[in-house]
């Protein structure tokens, strides 16, 4: 038998070997762990983020537990980070494809209602299913505008209106043709164009009446290569005229309530619309997407009804009180805390349950969307996927990133009320997130 002294010596040797192996293989990992103390030091030493409201939250992607929070419970203006909430709402309310049209047939007539789907003849989405369905129908076409609400202010002459069936983003175009003549597109708008000798702008500009689609131009030479987008007042007659001009066939109007026995025609894959909204941060698509969500609810299409429904049914577990006013984030009345943004990022991750699909819906640093030029890739691969948000004196990012060690995190980085150039804020956010990526 071995003596007690030999046993003690063996235990000590085993302990030393275990300690050595721990130092060799385990300690370096722990030494590189992103900790609350290390993050706090980064923020303490930053000369930029300490001069205004900065809300920051960093969470472990595996445990969904916080690593570091800085004023993370305080609400702030989220700007286009609001689109993350719009995305989550749509994922919960819509299926794999966007409902593009509701319709019934009665005798020789096809009666249809819009759903708010913005993809119909959208210049980038190029959806044709609804177009082909109406174009190829051998029945008389009747469009009903009865489910449209009035989410459009008459004074908003320079904003795209939300409408139940937008065609080409519900906008027109003024331009100079090859003969130097002023033209409008679609061509049916030209009947509402006239010269106004009392209109004296500094430069040649088309003016729209506040409440109607009547246009005036000044008694001035039309500049060569003149181009102007015309934002139109929605209504049944405008939609019918748009459709008739596009389909090259008569489209009638009637005021018929949406019956319960309508059929639904779907247009494009939902992710196609979501990605087009998220990557370039398209405000129009975000508002219309909530319109589409509201088409599944009782009553008329309304951004407010979609927001109210989502707030009650999908967002009741957000950690902090919030205020949500629109789908795009243009309103400065939107208020969410960094913790709430982290929570919606977690809910998105769990809802989609497919990392590749999830990250494909977010701008990728150095590769796509609004952070394409903000970050550099790591040997050609992005390491951060985040939604940006910008208004005057507001800039932020919220999303996901991975470190060189393969550790994954969720973050919300909010900046409000700063008085320095937005580029300085952006560069500091990029510097900090990139530093975390490189070191940990």
Protein backbone atom coordinates (compact mmCIF):
# COMPACT_ATOMS: atom_id res chain seq x y z
CA UNK A 1 0.00 0.00 0.00
CA UNK A 2 1.09 3.51 -0.71
CA UNK A 3 1.89 5.64 2.29
CA UNK A 4 -0.26 8.60 3.22
CA UNK A 5 2.60 10.90 2.24
CA UNK A 6 2.63 9.36 -1.25
CA UNK A 7 -1.12 9.82 -1.59
CA UNK A 8 -0.84 13.45 -0.51
CA UNK A 9 1.97 14.01 -3.00
CA UNK A 10 -0.12 12.47 -5.80
CA UNK A 11 -3.09 14.68 -4.95
CA UNK A 12 -0.87 17.76 -4.99
CA UNK A 13 0.60 16.69 -8.33
CA UNK A 14 -2.88 16.12 -9.78
CA UNK A 15 -3.95 19.50 -8.51
CA UNK A 16 -0.95 21.17 -10.09
CA UNK A 17 -1.60 19.41 -13.40
CA UNK A 18 -5.26 20.50 -13.31
CA UNK A 19 -4.24 24.06 -12.49
CA UNK A 20 -1.71 24.04 -15.33
CA UNK A 21 -4.25 22.76 -17.81
CA UNK A 22 -6.78 25.33 -16.59
CA UNK A 23 -4.32 28.14 -17.15
CA UNK A 24 -3.30 26.76 -20.53
CA UNK A 25 -6.73 26.00 -22.01
CA UNK A 26 -9.42 27.69 -19.98
CA UNK A 27 -8.08 30.88 -18.50
CA UNK A 28 -7.38 32.60 -21.84
CA UNK A 29 -11.06 32.22 -22.71
CA UNK A 30 -12.17 33.69 -19.43
CA UNK A 31 -9.51 36.36 -19.67
CA UNK A 32 -11.10 37.52 -22.93
CA UNK A 33 -14.66 37.48 -21.65
CA UNK A 34 -16.66 40.68 -22.21
CA UNK A 35 -17.61 41.75 -18.68
CA UNK A 36 -19.57 44.54 -17.07
CA UNK A 37 -16.38 46.07 -15.72
CA UNK A 38 -14.69 46.15 -19.12
CA UNK A 39 -17.71 47.67 -20.87
CA UNK A 40 -18.13 50.26 -18.12
CA UNK A 41 -14.51 51.29 -18.55
CA UNK A 42 -15.03 51.81 -22.30
CA UNK A 43 -17.97 54.12 -21.69
CA UNK A 44 -16.25 55.95 -18.84
CA UNK A 45 -13.30 56.76 -21.07
CA UNK A 46 -15.38 57.87 -24.08
CA UNK A 47 -15.23 61.61 -24.68
CA UNK A 48 -18.30 61.52 -26.89
CA UNK A 49 -21.03 59.44 -25.29
CA UNK A 50 -20.78 61.27 -21.96
CA UNK A 51 -21.92 64.62 -23.38
CA UNK A 52 -25.58 63.74 -24.05
CA UNK A 53 -28.16 61.06 -23.29
CA UNK A 54 -26.62 57.69 -24.04
CA UNK A 55 -28.61 54.56 -23.37
CA UNK A 56 -26.80 51.27 -23.85
CA UNK A 57 -27.64 47.64 -23.20
CA UNK A 58 -25.46 44.61 -23.93
CA UNK A 59 -26.92 41.11 -23.52
CA UNK A 60 -25.55 37.61 -23.92
CA UNK A 61 -27.16 35.99 -26.95
CA UNK A 62 -27.24 32.50 -25.43
CA UNK A 63 -28.62 33.32 -21.99
CA UNK A 64 -30.50 36.54 -22.89
CA UNK A 65 -29.05 37.95 -19.67
CA UNK A 66 -27.64 41.49 -19.32
CA UNK A 67 -23.89 42.02 -19.25
CA UNK A 68 -23.95 45.81 -19.02
CA UNK A 69 -26.64 48.49 -18.93
CA UNK A 70 -26.29 52.25 -19.01
CA UNK A 71 -29.55 54.16 -18.45
CA UNK A 72 -31.13 51.21 -20.23
CA UNK A 73 -34.51 51.68 -18.54
CA UNK A 74 -34.95 55.26 -19.72
CA UNK A 75 -37.13 55.87 -22.81
CA UNK A 76 -35.64 57.75 -25.73
CA UNK A 77 -36.54 58.58 -29.32
CA UNK A 78 -35.80 55.41 -31.33
CA UNK A 79 -36.08 56.90 -34.84
CA UNK A 80 -35.96 54.04 -37.36
CA UNK A 81 -35.35 51.41 -34.68
CA UNK A 82 -39.15 51.64 -34.55
CA UNK A 83 -39.12 49.49 -37.70
CA UNK A 84 -37.96 46.56 -35.56
CA UNK A 85 -41.31 46.73 -33.74
CA UNK A 86 -43.13 47.00 -37.06
CA UNK A 87 -41.25 43.93 -38.29
CA UNK A 88 -42.12 41.93 -35.18
CA UNK A 89 -45.78 42.91 -35.50
CA UNK A 90 -45.89 41.78 -39.13
CA UNK A 91 -44.17 38.48 -38.32
CA UNK A 92 -46.90 37.76 -35.79
CA UNK A 93 -49.83 38.84 -37.93
CA UNK A 94 -48.93 37.91 -41.49
CA UNK A 95 -47.96 34.60 -43.04
CA UNK A 96 -45.29 33.68 -45.55
CA UNK A 97 -46.82 35.91 -48.24
CA UNK A 98 -48.32 39.40 -48.19
CA UNK A 99 -52.10 39.62 -48.72
CA UNK A 100 -52.39 41.82 -51.79
CA UNK A 101 -56.08 41.94 -52.66
CA UNK A 102 -59.51 41.00 -51.35
CA UNK A 103 -62.16 40.25 -53.95
CA UNK A 104 -65.50 38.67 -54.80
CA UNK A 105 -67.15 37.89 -58.11
CA UNK A 106 -70.78 38.67 -58.79
CA UNK A 107 -72.09 37.80 -62.20
CA UNK A 108 -69.96 39.57 -64.78
CA UNK A 109 -68.26 41.78 -62.17
CA UNK A 110 -65.06 41.48 -60.15
CA UNK A 111 -65.23 43.66 -57.04
CA UNK A 112 -61.99 44.19 -55.12
CA UNK A 113 -60.55 45.97 -52.10
CA UNK A 114 -56.95 46.83 -51.29
CA UNK A 115 -55.13 45.53 -48.23
CA UNK A 116 -52.51 48.27 -48.03
CA UNK A 117 -49.96 46.06 -49.83
CA UNK A 118 -47.31 48.47 -51.18
CA UNK A 119 -45.67 45.97 -53.53
CA UNK A 120 -48.14 46.48 -56.42
CA UNK A 121 -45.98 47.86 -59.24
CA UNK A 122 -43.41 49.04 -56.71
CA UNK A 123 -40.29 49.98 -58.72
CA UNK A 124 -37.99 47.79 -56.60
CA UNK A 125 -40.25 44.94 -55.53
CA UNK A 126 -41.68 44.35 -59.02
CA UNK A 127 -44.62 42.26 -57.88
CA UNK A 128 -46.93 41.23 -60.77
CA UNK A 129 -49.41 38.76 -59.26
CA UNK A 130 -52.09 41.37 -58.56
CA UNK A 131 -51.45 43.12 -61.87
CA UNK A 132 -51.75 39.89 -63.86
CA UNK A 133 -54.88 38.86 -61.98
CA UNK A 134 -56.68 42.13 -62.78
CA UNK A 135 -55.22 42.45 -66.26
CA UNK A 136 -56.27 38.95 -67.29
CA UNK A 137 -59.74 39.06 -65.77
CA UNK A 138 -62.55 38.95 -68.32
CA UNK A 139 -64.97 40.59 -65.88
CA UNK A 140 -65.84 44.22 -65.30
CA UNK A 141 -63.59 45.68 -62.65
CA UNK A 142 -65.00 47.56 -59.66
CA UNK A 143 -62.73 49.03 -57.00
CA UNK A 144 -64.13 49.80 -53.55
CA UNK A 145 -62.33 52.27 -51.32
CA UNK A 146 -64.65 51.63 -48.36
CA UNK A 147 -62.00 50.07 -46.09
CA UNK A 148 -59.58 52.99 -46.44
CA UNK A 149 -59.07 55.35 -43.54
CA UNK A 150 -57.80 58.91 -43.72
CA UNK A 151 -54.26 58.52 -42.44
CA UNK A 152 -53.15 61.51 -44.47
CA UNK A 153 -53.00 65.19 -43.52
CA UNK A 154 -53.94 67.71 -46.20
CA UNK A 155 -50.93 69.82 -45.28
CA UNK A 156 -48.56 66.89 -45.86
CA UNK A 157 -47.94 67.87 -49.47
CA UNK A 158 -44.46 66.35 -49.48
CA UNK A 159 -45.27 62.99 -47.89
CA UNK A 160 -46.40 59.74 -49.49
CA UNK A 161 -49.96 59.03 -48.43
CA UNK A 162 -51.01 55.74 -46.91
CA UNK A 163 -53.75 54.15 -48.95
CA UNK A 164 -55.50 50.78 -49.27
CA UNK A 165 -54.21 50.12 -52.77
CA UNK A 166 -51.11 52.17 -53.55
CA UNK A 167 -49.91 52.15 -57.14
CA UNK A 168 -46.28 53.12 -57.81
CA UNK A 169 -46.06 54.39 -54.20
CA UNK A 170 -49.06 56.67 -54.83
CA UNK A 171 -46.80 59.26 -56.42
CA UNK A 172 -46.56 60.92 -59.81
CA UNK A 173 -43.72 62.56 -61.68
CA UNK A 174 -43.23 65.90 -63.40
CA UNK A 175 -40.49 66.12 -66.01
CA UNK A 176 -39.25 67.84 -69.14
CA UNK A 177 -39.56 65.71 -72.28
CA UNK A 178 -37.08 65.65 -75.15
CA UNK A 179 -38.85 68.61 -76.79
CA UNK A 180 -38.54 70.72 -73.64
CA UNK A 181 -42.25 70.41 -72.82
CA UNK A 182 -43.51 69.99 -69.25
CA UNK A 183 -45.14 66.58 -68.79
CA UNK A 184 -46.75 64.65 -65.94
CA UNK A 185 -46.76 60.91 -65.39
CA UNK A 186 -49.12 59.13 -65.26
CA UNK A 187 -50.48 61.08 -68.22
CA UNK A 188 -54.03 61.39 -66.80
CA UNK A 189 -52.67 63.89 -64.25
CA UNK A 190 -52.01 66.41 -67.03
CA UNK A 191 -55.67 67.33 -67.25
CA UNK A 192 -55.30 68.78 -63.73
CA UNK A 193 -52.25 70.89 -64.58
CA UNK A 194 -52.46 74.59 -65.39
CA UNK A 195 -50.35 77.74 -65.34
CA UNK A 196 -50.80 80.20 -62.46
CA UNK A 197 -49.56 83.71 -63.25
CA UNK A 198 -49.83 84.60 -59.54
CA UNK A 199 -47.43 81.82 -58.54
CA UNK A 200 -43.86 83.17 -58.25
CA UNK A 201 -41.44 80.60 -56.78
CA UNK A 202 -37.71 81.28 -56.67
CA UNK A 203 -37.07 78.28 -58.90
CA UNK A 204 -39.39 76.42 -61.23
CA UNK A 205 -41.56 74.10 -59.11
CA UNK A 206 -44.88 72.33 -59.51
CA UNK A 207 -47.35 73.15 -56.74
CA UNK A 208 -50.16 70.87 -55.63
CA UNK A 209 -53.41 72.04 -54.09
CA UNK A 210 -53.55 71.06 -50.41
CA UNK A 211 -56.73 69.00 -50.68
CA UNK A 212 -56.94 67.88 -54.30
CA UNK A 213 -54.71 66.57 -57.07
CA UNK A 214 -54.72 69.85 -58.94
CA UNK A 215 -51.33 71.18 -60.00
CA UNK A 216 -50.08 74.60 -61.02
CA UNK A 217 -46.83 75.80 -62.49
CA UNK A 218 -45.37 79.32 -62.78
CA UNK A 219 -45.09 81.43 -65.91
CA UNK A 220 -41.39 80.68 -66.20
CA UNK A 221 -39.22 78.75 -68.66
CA UNK A 222 -39.18 75.05 -67.86
CA UNK A 223 -35.61 74.01 -67.00
CA UNK A 224 -33.98 71.35 -69.10
CA UNK A 225 -33.90 67.97 -67.38
CA UNK A 226 -36.51 69.14 -64.85
CA UNK A 227 -37.65 66.36 -62.48
CA UNK A 228 -40.03 66.48 -59.53
CA UNK A 229 -41.87 63.84 -57.51
CA UNK A 230 -45.56 64.60 -56.98
CA UNK A 231 -47.14 63.34 -53.75
CA UNK A 232 -50.80 62.64 -54.38
CA UNK A 233 -53.98 62.91 -52.31
CA UNK A 234 -55.47 59.41 -52.03
CA UNK A 235 -59.03 58.57 -52.96
CA UNK A 236 -61.14 56.11 -54.90
CA UNK A 237 -61.09 58.10 -58.12
CA UNK A 238 -57.32 58.50 -58.04
CA UNK A 239 -56.77 54.78 -57.43
CA UNK A 240 -59.23 53.83 -60.17
CA UNK A 241 -57.55 56.24 -62.60
CA UNK A 242 -54.12 54.88 -61.67
CA UNK A 243 -55.32 51.33 -62.22
CA UNK A 244 -57.04 52.13 -65.50
CA UNK A 245 -53.90 53.86 -66.77
CA UNK A 246 -51.73 50.94 -65.70
CA UNK A 247 -53.99 48.07 -66.75
CA UNK A 248 -55.14 49.77 -69.95
CA UNK A 249 -58.73 48.85 -69.21
CA UNK A 250 -61.70 50.50 -67.51
CA UNK A 251 -61.86 50.40 -63.73
CA UNK A 252 -65.07 51.54 -62.06
CA UNK A 253 -65.61 52.61 -58.47
CA UNK A 254 -68.28 51.84 -55.95
CA UNK A 255 -68.72 52.23 -52.20
CA UNK A 256 -69.34 48.69 -51.00
CA UNK A 257 -68.49 47.42 -47.54
CA UNK A 258 -66.03 44.57 -47.33
CA UNK A 259 -68.09 41.37 -46.97
CA UNK A 260 -66.95 38.38 -44.93
CA UNK A 261 -66.86 35.99 -47.87
CA UNK A 262 -64.10 37.70 -49.84
CA UNK A 263 -61.20 35.71 -51.22
CA UNK A 264 -57.61 36.79 -50.64
CA UNK A 265 -54.97 36.98 -53.35
CA UNK A 266 -51.39 37.04 -52.06
CA UNK A 267 -48.60 38.98 -53.74
CA UNK A 268 -44.94 38.59 -52.72
CA UNK A 269 -43.06 36.57 -50.09
CA UNK A 270 -43.26 38.46 -46.80
CA UNK A 271 -39.50 38.40 -46.20
CA UNK A 272 -38.96 40.19 -49.51
CA UNK A 273 -41.00 43.12 -48.26
CA UNK A 274 -39.49 43.01 -44.76
CA UNK A 275 -35.95 43.05 -46.10
CA UNK A 276 -36.72 45.94 -48.47
CA UNK A 277 -38.13 47.87 -45.50
CA UNK A 278 -35.26 47.11 -43.10
CA UNK A 279 -32.08 47.40 -45.17
CA UNK A 280 -32.53 50.85 -46.76
CA UNK A 281 -34.88 51.85 -43.91
CA UNK A 282 -37.86 52.58 -46.17
CA UNK A 283 -40.35 54.73 -44.26
CA UNK A 284 -43.14 54.32 -46.80
CA UNK A 285 -42.99 50.54 -46.72
CA UNK A 286 -42.98 50.53 -42.92
CA UNK A 287 -46.18 52.58 -42.69
CA UNK A 288 -47.90 50.55 -45.38
CA UNK A 289 -46.84 47.32 -43.70
CA UNK A 290 -48.80 48.28 -40.60
CA UNK A 291 -51.70 49.09 -42.95
CA UNK A 292 -51.49 45.52 -44.23
CA UNK A 293 -51.50 44.21 -40.65
CA UNK A 294 -54.59 46.28 -39.88
CA UNK A 295 -56.39 44.68 -42.85
CA UNK A 296 -56.75 41.58 -40.67
CA UNK A 297 -58.55 43.56 -37.96
CA UNK A 298 -62.15 44.81 -37.83
CA UNK A 299 -62.80 48.28 -39.22
CA UNK A 300 -60.90 50.38 -41.67
CA UNK A 301 -57.20 50.19 -42.41
CA UNK A 302 -55.29 52.16 -39.82
CA UNK A 303 -51.75 52.37 -38.52
CA UNK A 304 -53.15 53.24 -35.10
CA UNK A 305 -55.27 50.08 -34.92
CA UNK A 306 -52.30 47.88 -35.87
CA UNK A 307 -50.13 49.54 -33.22
CA UNK A 308 -52.83 49.21 -30.56
CA UNK A 309 -53.37 45.53 -31.38
CA UNK A 310 -49.66 44.75 -31.36
CA UNK A 311 -49.10 46.63 -28.10
CA UNK A 312 -51.82 44.61 -26.37
CA UNK A 313 -51.05 41.22 -27.83
CA UNK A 314 -47.34 41.08 -28.62
CA UNK A 315 -45.57 43.76 -26.57
CA UNK A 316 -47.17 43.50 -23.14
CA UNK A 317 -43.99 41.92 -21.75
CA UNK A 318 -41.63 44.77 -22.65
CA UNK A 319 -39.68 45.71 -19.51
CA UNK A 320 -40.38 49.46 -19.62
CA UNK A 321 -43.32 51.66 -20.46
CA UNK A 322 -43.23 52.77 -24.09
CA UNK A 323 -44.97 55.09 -26.53
CA UNK A 324 -45.50 54.00 -30.14
CA UNK A 325 -46.96 56.38 -32.73
CA UNK A 326 -46.01 55.25 -36.26
CA UNK A 327 -44.51 52.40 -38.23
CA UNK A 328 -41.41 54.09 -39.59
CA UNK A 329 -39.95 56.06 -36.70
CA UNK A 330 -40.38 59.49 -38.27
CA UNK A 331 -42.41 60.64 -35.28
CA UNK A 332 -40.44 62.10 -32.40
CA UNK A 333 -43.29 60.96 -30.15
CA UNK A 334 -42.07 57.37 -30.32
CA UNK A 335 -40.32 56.42 -27.07
CA UNK A 336 -38.63 53.10 -26.27
CA UNK A 337 -35.90 52.22 -23.80
CA UNK A 338 -32.74 50.28 -24.73
CA UNK A 339 -34.03 47.39 -22.59
CA UNK A 340 -37.24 47.31 -24.62
CA UNK A 341 -35.27 47.23 -27.86
CA UNK A 342 -33.20 44.34 -26.51
CA UNK A 343 -36.41 42.56 -25.56
CA UNK A 344 -37.84 42.88 -29.07
CA UNK A 345 -34.53 41.61 -30.50
CA UNK A 346 -34.83 38.56 -28.25
CA UNK A 347 -38.46 38.06 -29.27
CA UNK A 348 -37.50 38.33 -32.94
CA UNK A 349 -34.79 35.73 -32.46
CA UNK A 350 -37.22 33.36 -30.79
CA UNK A 351 -40.02 34.03 -33.27
CA UNK A 352 -37.93 33.39 -36.37
CA UNK A 353 -35.82 30.63 -34.79
CA UNK A 354 -33.47 30.63 -37.75
CA UNK A 355 -30.32 32.71 -37.40
CA UNK A 356 -29.59 32.96 -41.13
CA UNK A 357 -33.10 34.18 -41.89
CA UNK A 358 -33.05 36.60 -38.95
CA UNK A 359 -29.74 38.23 -39.83
CA UNK A 360 -30.76 38.45 -43.50
CA UNK A 361 -33.49 40.90 -42.46
CA UNK A 362 -31.00 43.31 -40.88
CA UNK A 363 -28.38 45.55 -42.49
CA UNK A 364 -24.98 43.84 -42.38
CA UNK A 365 -21.95 45.90 -41.45
CA UNK A 366 -19.64 46.47 -44.39
CA UNK A 367 -21.99 44.58 -46.71
CA UNK A 368 -25.56 45.89 -46.99
CA UNK A 369 -28.11 48.46 -45.95
CA UNK A 370 -27.58 51.51 -43.79
CA UNK A 371 -24.35 50.21 -42.18
CA UNK A 372 -22.76 49.09 -45.43
CA UNK A 373 -20.12 51.83 -45.19
CA UNK A 374 -20.06 52.22 -41.40
CA UNK A 375 -18.26 48.98 -40.56
CA UNK A 376 -15.44 47.04 -42.14
CA UNK A 377 -15.87 43.33 -42.66
CA UNK A 378 -13.70 40.75 -40.94
CA UNK A 379 -11.90 39.09 -43.86
CA UNK A 380 -14.94 39.66 -46.05
CA UNK A 381 -17.51 38.54 -43.46
CA UNK A 382 -19.78 40.90 -41.54
CA UNK A 383 -19.75 40.71 -37.74
CA UNK A 384 -22.58 43.11 -36.91
CA UNK A 385 -26.20 43.12 -38.06
CA UNK A 386 -28.08 46.16 -36.83
CA UNK A 387 -30.93 48.54 -37.57
CA UNK A 388 -29.93 52.18 -37.50
CA UNK A 389 -32.05 55.17 -36.59
CA UNK A 390 -31.47 58.83 -37.37
CA UNK A 391 -33.31 62.08 -36.84
CA UNK A 392 -31.92 65.49 -36.01
CA UNK A 393 -29.94 65.09 -32.75
CA UNK A 394 -30.83 61.39 -32.67
CA UNK A 395 -28.70 58.45 -33.81
CA UNK A 396 -28.68 54.83 -32.71
CA UNK A 397 -28.15 51.20 -33.58
CA UNK A 398 -29.81 48.05 -32.33
CA UNK A 399 -29.08 44.49 -33.31
CA UNK A 400 -26.65 41.60 -33.04
CA UNK A 401 -22.88 41.12 -33.27
CA UNK A 402 -20.37 38.30 -33.00
CA UNK A 403 -16.79 38.46 -31.72
CA UNK A 404 -13.69 36.85 -33.18
CA UNK A 405 -13.91 34.29 -30.39
CA UNK A 406 -17.36 33.33 -31.69
CA UNK A 407 -19.29 34.88 -28.81
CA UNK A 408 -22.66 36.38 -29.79
CA UNK A 409 -24.32 39.43 -28.27
CA UNK A 410 -27.40 41.64 -28.57
CA UNK A 411 -27.01 45.39 -28.19
CA UNK A 412 -28.96 48.62 -28.18
CA UNK A 413 -26.95 51.84 -28.49
CA UNK A 414 -29.14 54.96 -28.24
CA UNK A 415 -27.98 58.58 -28.53
CA UNK A 416 -30.39 61.50 -28.08
CA UNK A 417 -30.01 65.27 -27.76
CA UNK A 418 -26.39 65.54 -28.90
CA UNK A 419 -25.06 68.79 -30.36
CA UNK A 420 -22.11 67.44 -32.30
CA UNK A 421 -22.07 66.06 -35.86
CA UNK A 422 -23.94 62.79 -36.31
CA UNK A 423 -20.84 61.37 -37.99
CA UNK A 424 -18.95 61.69 -34.70
CA UNK A 425 -21.66 59.72 -32.89
CA UNK A 426 -21.72 57.06 -35.60
CA UNK A 427 -17.94 56.70 -35.60
CA UNK A 428 -17.84 56.27 -31.83
CA UNK A 429 -20.53 53.59 -31.89
CA UNK A 430 -18.69 51.76 -34.65
CA UNK A 431 -15.38 52.07 -32.78
CA UNK A 432 -16.83 50.59 -29.59
CA UNK A 433 -18.66 47.68 -31.22
CA UNK A 434 -15.68 46.91 -33.44
CA UNK A 435 -13.38 46.95 -30.39
CA UNK A 436 -15.65 44.45 -28.63
CA UNK A 437 -15.57 42.27 -31.74
CA UNK A 438 -11.80 42.34 -32.03
CA UNK A 439 -10.90 41.73 -28.39
CA UNK A 440 -13.49 39.29 -27.14
